[in-house]
PDB file of N, CA and C in Angstrom:
ATOM      1  N   MET A   1      96.985 267.254 179.208  1.00  0.00           N
ATOM      2  CA  MET A   1      95.700 267.171 179.855  1.00  0.00           C
ATOM      3  C   MET A   1      94.604 267.053 178.796  1.00  0.00           C
ATOM      4  N   THR A   2      93.693 266.100 178.990  1.00  0.00           N
ATOM      5  CA  THR A   2      92.611 265.877 178.040  1.00  0.00           C
ATOM      6  C   THR A   2      91.442 266.796 178.367  1.00  0.00           C
ATOM      7  N   LYS A   3      90.946 267.463 177.363  1.00  0.00           N
ATOM      8  CA  LYS A   3      89.787 268.341 177.535  1.00  0.00           C
ATOM      9  C   LYS A   3      88.539 267.474 177.628  1.00  0.00           C
ATOM     10  N   SER A   4      87.707 267.700 178.649  1.00  0.00           N
ATOM     11  CA  SER A   4      86.496 266.903 178.804  1.00  0.00           C
ATOM     12  C   SER A   4      85.433 267.356 177.808  1.00  0.00           C
ATOM     13  N   ARG A   5      84.554 266.439 177.470  1.00  0.00           N
ATOM     14  CA  ARG A   5      83.501 266.696 176.499  1.00  0.00           C
ATOM     15  C   ARG A   5      82.137 266.639 177.175  1.00  0.00           C
ATOM     16  N   CYS A   6      81.220 267.396 176.663  1.00  0.00           N
ATOM     17  CA  CYS A   6      79.846 267.414 177.155  1.00  0.00           C
ATOM     18  C   CYS A   6      79.206 266.049 176.888  1.00  0.00           C
ATOM     19  N   PRO A   7      78.598 265.422 177.903  1.00  0.00           N
ATOM     20  CA  PRO A   7      77.988 264.111 177.690  1.00  0.00           C
ATOM     21  C   PRO A   7      76.714 264.166 176.842  1.00  0.00           C
ATOM     22  N   ILE A   8      76.164 265.340 176.622  1.00  0.00           N
ATOM     23  CA  ILE A   8      74.942 265.481 175.826  1.00  0.00           C
ATOM     24  C   ILE A   8      75.262 265.686 174.349  1.00  0.00           C
ATOM     25  N   CYS A   9      76.153 266.629 174.045  1.00  0.00           N
ATOM     26  CA  CYS A   9      76.400 266.973 172.633  1.00  0.00           C
ATOM     27  C   CYS A   9      77.852 266.791 172.182  1.00  0.00           C
ATOM     28  N   ALA A  10      78.735 266.430 173.097  1.00  0.00           N
ATOM     29  CA  ALA A  10      80.152 266.176 172.817  1.00  0.00           C
ATOM     30  C   ALA A  10      80.971 267.439 172.526  1.00  0.00           C
ATOM     31  N   ALA A  11      80.414 268.603 172.754  1.00  0.00           N
ATOM     32  CA  ALA A  11      81.184 269.842 172.625  1.00  0.00           C
ATOM     33  C   ALA A  11      82.127 269.952 173.823  1.00  0.00           C
ATOM     34  N   PRO A  12      83.173 270.747 173.728  1.00  0.00           N
ATOM     35  CA  PRO A  12      84.067 270.917 174.874  1.00  0.00           C
ATOM     36  C   PRO A  12      83.313 271.483 176.090  1.00  0.00           C
ATOM     37  N   ALA A  13      83.561 270.910 177.242  1.00  0.00           N
ATOM     38  CA  ALA A  13      82.920 271.371 178.475  1.00  0.00           C
ATOM     39  C   ALA A  13      83.490 272.723 178.887  1.00  0.00           C
ATOM     40  N   THR A  14      82.671 273.524 179.543  1.00  0.00           N
ATOM     41  CA  THR A  14      83.117 274.819 180.043  1.00  0.00           C
ATOM     42  C   THR A  14      83.222 274.769 181.565  1.00  0.00           C
ATOM     43  N   PRO A  15      84.127 275.522 182.150  1.00  0.00           N
ATOM     44  CA  PRO A  15      84.282 275.509 183.609  1.00  0.00           C
ATOM     45  C   PRO A  15      82.998 275.915 184.343  1.00  0.00           C
ATOM     46  N   THR A  16      82.232 276.803 183.762  1.00  0.00           N
ATOM     47  CA  THR A  16      81.002 277.278 184.397  1.00  0.00           C
ATOM     48  C   THR A  16      79.943 276.185 184.499  1.00  0.00           C
ATOM     49  N   HIS A  17      79.883 275.305 183.494  1.00  0.00           N
ATOM     50  CA  HIS A  17      78.818 274.298 183.425  1.00  0.00           C
ATOM     51  C   HIS A  17      79.337 272.865 183.469  1.00  0.00           C
ATOM     52  N   THR A  18      80.531 272.656 183.972  1.00  0.00           N
ATOM     53  CA  THR A  18      81.142 271.326 183.999  1.00  0.00           C
ATOM     54  C   THR A  18      80.191 270.297 184.586  1.00  0.00           C
ATOM     55  N   PRO A  19      80.026 269.152 184.009  1.00  0.00           N
ATOM     56  CA  PRO A  19      80.732 268.583 182.859  1.00  0.00           C
ATOM     57  C   PRO A  19      80.073 268.908 181.529  1.00  0.00           C
ATOM     58  N   PHE A  20      79.157 269.861 181.501  1.00  0.00           N
ATOM     59  CA  PHE A  20      78.439 270.203 180.281  1.00  0.00           C
ATOM     60  C   PHE A  20      79.063 271.406 179.590  1.00  0.00           C
ATOM     61  N   CYS A  21      78.610 271.678 178.364  1.00  0.00           N
ATOM     62  CA  CYS A  21      79.162 272.802 177.609  1.00  0.00           C
ATOM     63  C   CYS A  21      78.353 274.078 177.792  1.00  0.00           C
ATOM     64  N   SER A  22      77.083 273.937 178.187  1.00  0.00           N
ATOM     65  CA  SER A  22      76.222 275.112 178.299  1.00  0.00           C
ATOM     66  C   SER A  22      75.086 274.851 179.283  1.00  0.00           C
ATOM     67  N   ARG A  23      74.367 275.900 179.597  1.00  0.00           N
ATOM     68  CA  ARG A  23      73.204 275.771 180.476  1.00  0.00           C
ATOM     69  C   ARG A  23      72.129 274.908 179.812  1.00  0.00           C
ATOM     70  N   GLY A  24      72.017 275.006 178.489  1.00  0.00           N
ATOM     71  CA  GLY A  24      71.023 274.223 177.755  1.00  0.00           C
ATOM     72  C   GLY A  24      71.247 272.724 177.913  1.00  0.00           C
ATOM     73  N   CYS A  25      72.491 272.271 177.759  1.00  0.00           N
ATOM     74  CA  CYS A  25      72.794 270.850 177.917  1.00  0.00           C
ATOM     75  C   CYS A  25      72.623 270.414 179.371  1.00  0.00           C
ATOM     76  N   LYS A  26      72.974 271.299 180.290  1.00  0.00           N
ATOM     77  CA  LYS A  26      72.801 271.002 181.717  1.00  0.00           C
ATOM     78  C   LYS A  26      71.318 270.809 182.041  1.00  0.00           C
ATOM     79  N   ASP A  27      70.471 271.692 181.517  1.00  0.00           N
ATOM     80  CA  ASP A  27      69.028 271.587 181.733  1.00  0.00           C
ATOM     81  C   ASP A  27      68.444 270.362 181.035  1.00  0.00           C
ATOM     82  N   ARG A  28      68.928 270.043 179.854  1.00  0.00           N
ATOM     83  CA  ARG A  28      68.455 268.866 179.126  1.00  0.00           C
ATOM     84  C   ARG A  28      68.743 267.596 179.919  1.00  0.00           C
ATOM     85  N   ASP A  29      69.916 267.533 180.549  1.00  0.00           N
ATOM     86  CA  ASP A  29      70.269 266.383 181.378  1.00  0.00           C
ATOM     87  C   ASP A  29      69.337 266.289 182.585  1.00  0.00           C
ATOM     88  N   LEU A  30      69.054 267.417 183.215  1.00  0.00           N
ATOM     89  CA  LEU A  30      68.140 267.426 184.359  1.00  0.00           C
ATOM     90  C   LEU A  30      66.757 266.940 183.948  1.00  0.00           C
ATOM     91  N   LEU A  31      66.279 267.373 182.795  1.00  0.00           N
ATOM     92  CA  LEU A  31      64.971 266.918 182.328  1.00  0.00           C
ATOM     93  C   LEU A  31      64.947 265.417 182.074  1.00  0.00           C
ATOM     94  N   ARG A  32      66.044 264.864 181.603  1.00  0.00           N
ATOM     95  CA  ARG A  32      66.108 263.401 181.417  1.00  0.00           C
ATOM     96  C   ARG A  32      65.994 262.683 182.755  1.00  0.00           C
ATOM     97  N   TRP A  33      66.652 263.202 183.775  1.00  0.00           N
ATOM     98  CA  TRP A  33      66.560 262.604 185.109  1.00  0.00           C
ATOM     99  C   TRP A  33      65.132 262.699 185.635  1.00  0.00           C
ATOM    100  N   LEU A  34      64.512 263.848 185.490  1.00  0.00           N
ATOM    101  CA  LEU A  34      63.178 264.059 186.029  1.00  0.00           C
ATOM    102  C   LEU A  34      62.097 263.272 185.294  1.00  0.00           C
ATOM    103  N   SER A  35      62.330 262.949 184.025  1.00  0.00           N
ATOM    104  CA  SER A  35      61.333 262.217 183.244  1.00  0.00           C
ATOM    105  C   SER A  35      61.667 260.732 183.127  1.00  0.00           C
ATOM    106  N   ASP A  36      62.516 260.226 184.022  1.00  0.00           N
ATOM    107  CA  ASP A  36      62.923 258.809 184.025  1.00  0.00           C
ATOM    108  C   ASP A  36      63.649 258.392 182.750  1.00  0.00           C
ATOM    109  N   GLY A  37      64.299 259.330 182.087  1.00  0.00           N
ATOM    110  CA  GLY A  37      65.055 259.004 180.885  1.00  0.00           C
ATOM    111  C   GLY A  37      66.290 258.172 181.160  1.00  0.00           C
ATOM    112  N   TYR A  38      66.744 258.139 182.400  1.00  0.00           N
ATOM    113  CA  TYR A  38      67.928 257.383 182.759  1.00  0.00           C
ATOM    114  C   TYR A  38      67.587 256.153 183.595  1.00  0.00           C
ATOM    115  N   ARG A  39      66.364 255.674 183.537  1.00  0.00           N
ATOM    116  CA  ARG A  39      65.995 254.530 184.368  1.00  0.00           C
ATOM    117  C   ARG A  39      66.685 253.259 183.891  1.00  0.00           C
ATOM    118  N   LEU A  40      66.887 252.357 184.820  1.00  0.00           N
ATOM    119  CA  LEU A  40      67.520 251.084 184.527  1.00  0.00           C
ATOM    120  C   LEU A  40      66.459 250.017 184.327  1.00  0.00           C
ATOM    121  N   PRO A  41      66.669 249.120 183.378  1.00  0.00           N
ATOM    122  CA  PRO A  41      65.685 248.055 183.179  1.00  0.00           C
ATOM    123  C   PRO A  41      65.682 247.114 184.382  1.00  0.00           C
ATOM    124  N   GLY A  42      64.542 246.615 184.702  1.00  0.00           N
ATOM    125  CA  GLY A  42      64.413 245.700 185.829  1.00  0.00           C
ATOM    126  C   GLY A  42      63.430 244.604 185.498  1.00  0.00           C
ATOM    127  N   ALA A  43      63.163 243.782 186.473  1.00  0.00           N
ATOM    128  CA  ALA A  43      62.220 242.689 186.286  1.00  0.00           C
ATOM    129  C   ALA A  43      60.813 243.251 186.104  1.00  0.00           C
ATOM    130  N   THR A  44      60.019 242.555 185.308  1.00  0.00           N
ATOM    131  CA  THR A  44      58.639 242.951 185.092  1.00  0.00           C
ATOM    132  C   THR A  44      57.836 242.667 186.351  1.00  0.00           C
ATOM    133  N   ILE A  45      57.009 243.622 186.736  1.00  0.00           N
ATOM    134  CA  ILE A  45      56.185 243.476 187.929  1.00  0.00           C
ATOM    135  C   ILE A  45      54.768 243.109 187.509  1.00  0.00           C
ATOM    136  N   ASP A  46      54.227 242.067 188.116  1.00  0.00           N
ATOM    137  CA  ASP A  46      52.866 241.652 187.855  1.00  0.00           C
ATOM    138  C   ASP A  46      51.942 242.497 188.733  1.00  0.00           C
ATOM    139  N   THR A  47      51.239 243.433 188.122  1.00  0.00           N
ATOM    140  CA  THR A  47      50.403 244.356 188.893  1.00  0.00           C
ATOM    141  C   THR A  47      49.223 243.649 189.552  1.00  0.00           C
ATOM    142  N   GLU A  48      48.770 242.547 188.984  1.00  0.00           N
ATOM    143  CA  GLU A  48      47.654 241.813 189.591  1.00  0.00           C
ATOM    144  C   GLU A  48      48.065 241.210 190.931  1.00  0.00           C
ATOM    145  N   SER A  49      49.300 240.715 191.016  1.00  0.00           N
ATOM    146  CA  SER A  49      49.747 240.144 192.280  1.00  0.00           C
ATOM    147  C   SER A  49      49.926 241.234 193.336  1.00  0.00           C
ATOM    148  N   LEU A  50      50.275 242.439 192.921  1.00  0.00           N
ATOM    149  CA  LEU A  50      50.383 243.548 193.867  1.00  0.00           C
ATOM    150  C   LEU A  50      49.009 243.896 194.430  1.00  0.00           C
ATOM    151  N   ASP A  51      47.986 243.889 193.578  1.00  0.00           N
ATOM    152  CA  ASP A  51      46.625 244.185 194.026  1.00  0.00           C
ATOM    153  C   ASP A  51      46.130 243.124 195.006  1.00  0.00           C
ATOM    154  N   SER A  52      46.435 241.856 194.761  1.00  0.00           N
ATOM    155  CA  SER A  52      45.954 240.792 195.650  1.00  0.00           C
ATOM    156  C   SER A  52      46.639 240.858 197.012  1.00  0.00           C
ATOM    157  N   HIS A  53      47.888 241.293 197.078  1.00  0.00           N
ATOM    158  CA  HIS A  53      48.586 241.438 198.347  1.00  0.00           C
ATOM    159  C   HIS A  53      48.013 242.603 199.145  1.00  0.00           C
ATOM    160  N   ALA A  54      47.569 243.632 198.478  1.00  0.00           N
ATOM    161  CA  ALA A  54      46.998 244.789 199.160  1.00  0.00           C
ATOM    162  C   ALA A  54      45.655 244.430 199.788  1.00  0.00           C
ATOM    163  N   ASP A  55      44.912 243.507 199.160  1.00  0.00           N
ATOM    164  CA  ASP A  55      43.608 243.092 199.694  1.00  0.00           C
ATOM    165  C   ASP A  55      43.733 242.251 200.953  1.00  0.00           C
ATOM    166  N   THR A  56      44.854 241.541 201.141  1.00  0.00           N
ATOM    167  CA  THR A  56      45.016 240.659 202.280  1.00  0.00           C
ATOM    168  C   THR A  56      45.525 241.376 203.509  1.00  0.00           C
ATOM    169  N   ASP A  57      45.970 242.604 203.385  1.00  0.00           N
ATOM    170  CA  ASP A  57      46.499 243.355 204.529  1.00  0.00           C
ATOM    171  C   ASP A  57      45.425 243.849 205.439  1.00  0.00           C
TER     172      ASP A  57
END
């Protein structure tokens, strides 16, 4: 059986904090989610065209 590793620091994961090794790494991952650290790149949005559509409604 392969021991899983923490995705933040690569230390061995603990059963209490799976898939992380500690509460600190678990919290660090949550902060990345909350601060858009895991966002996916997308198409550039032209904000001027969004403003012009809002005026026509």
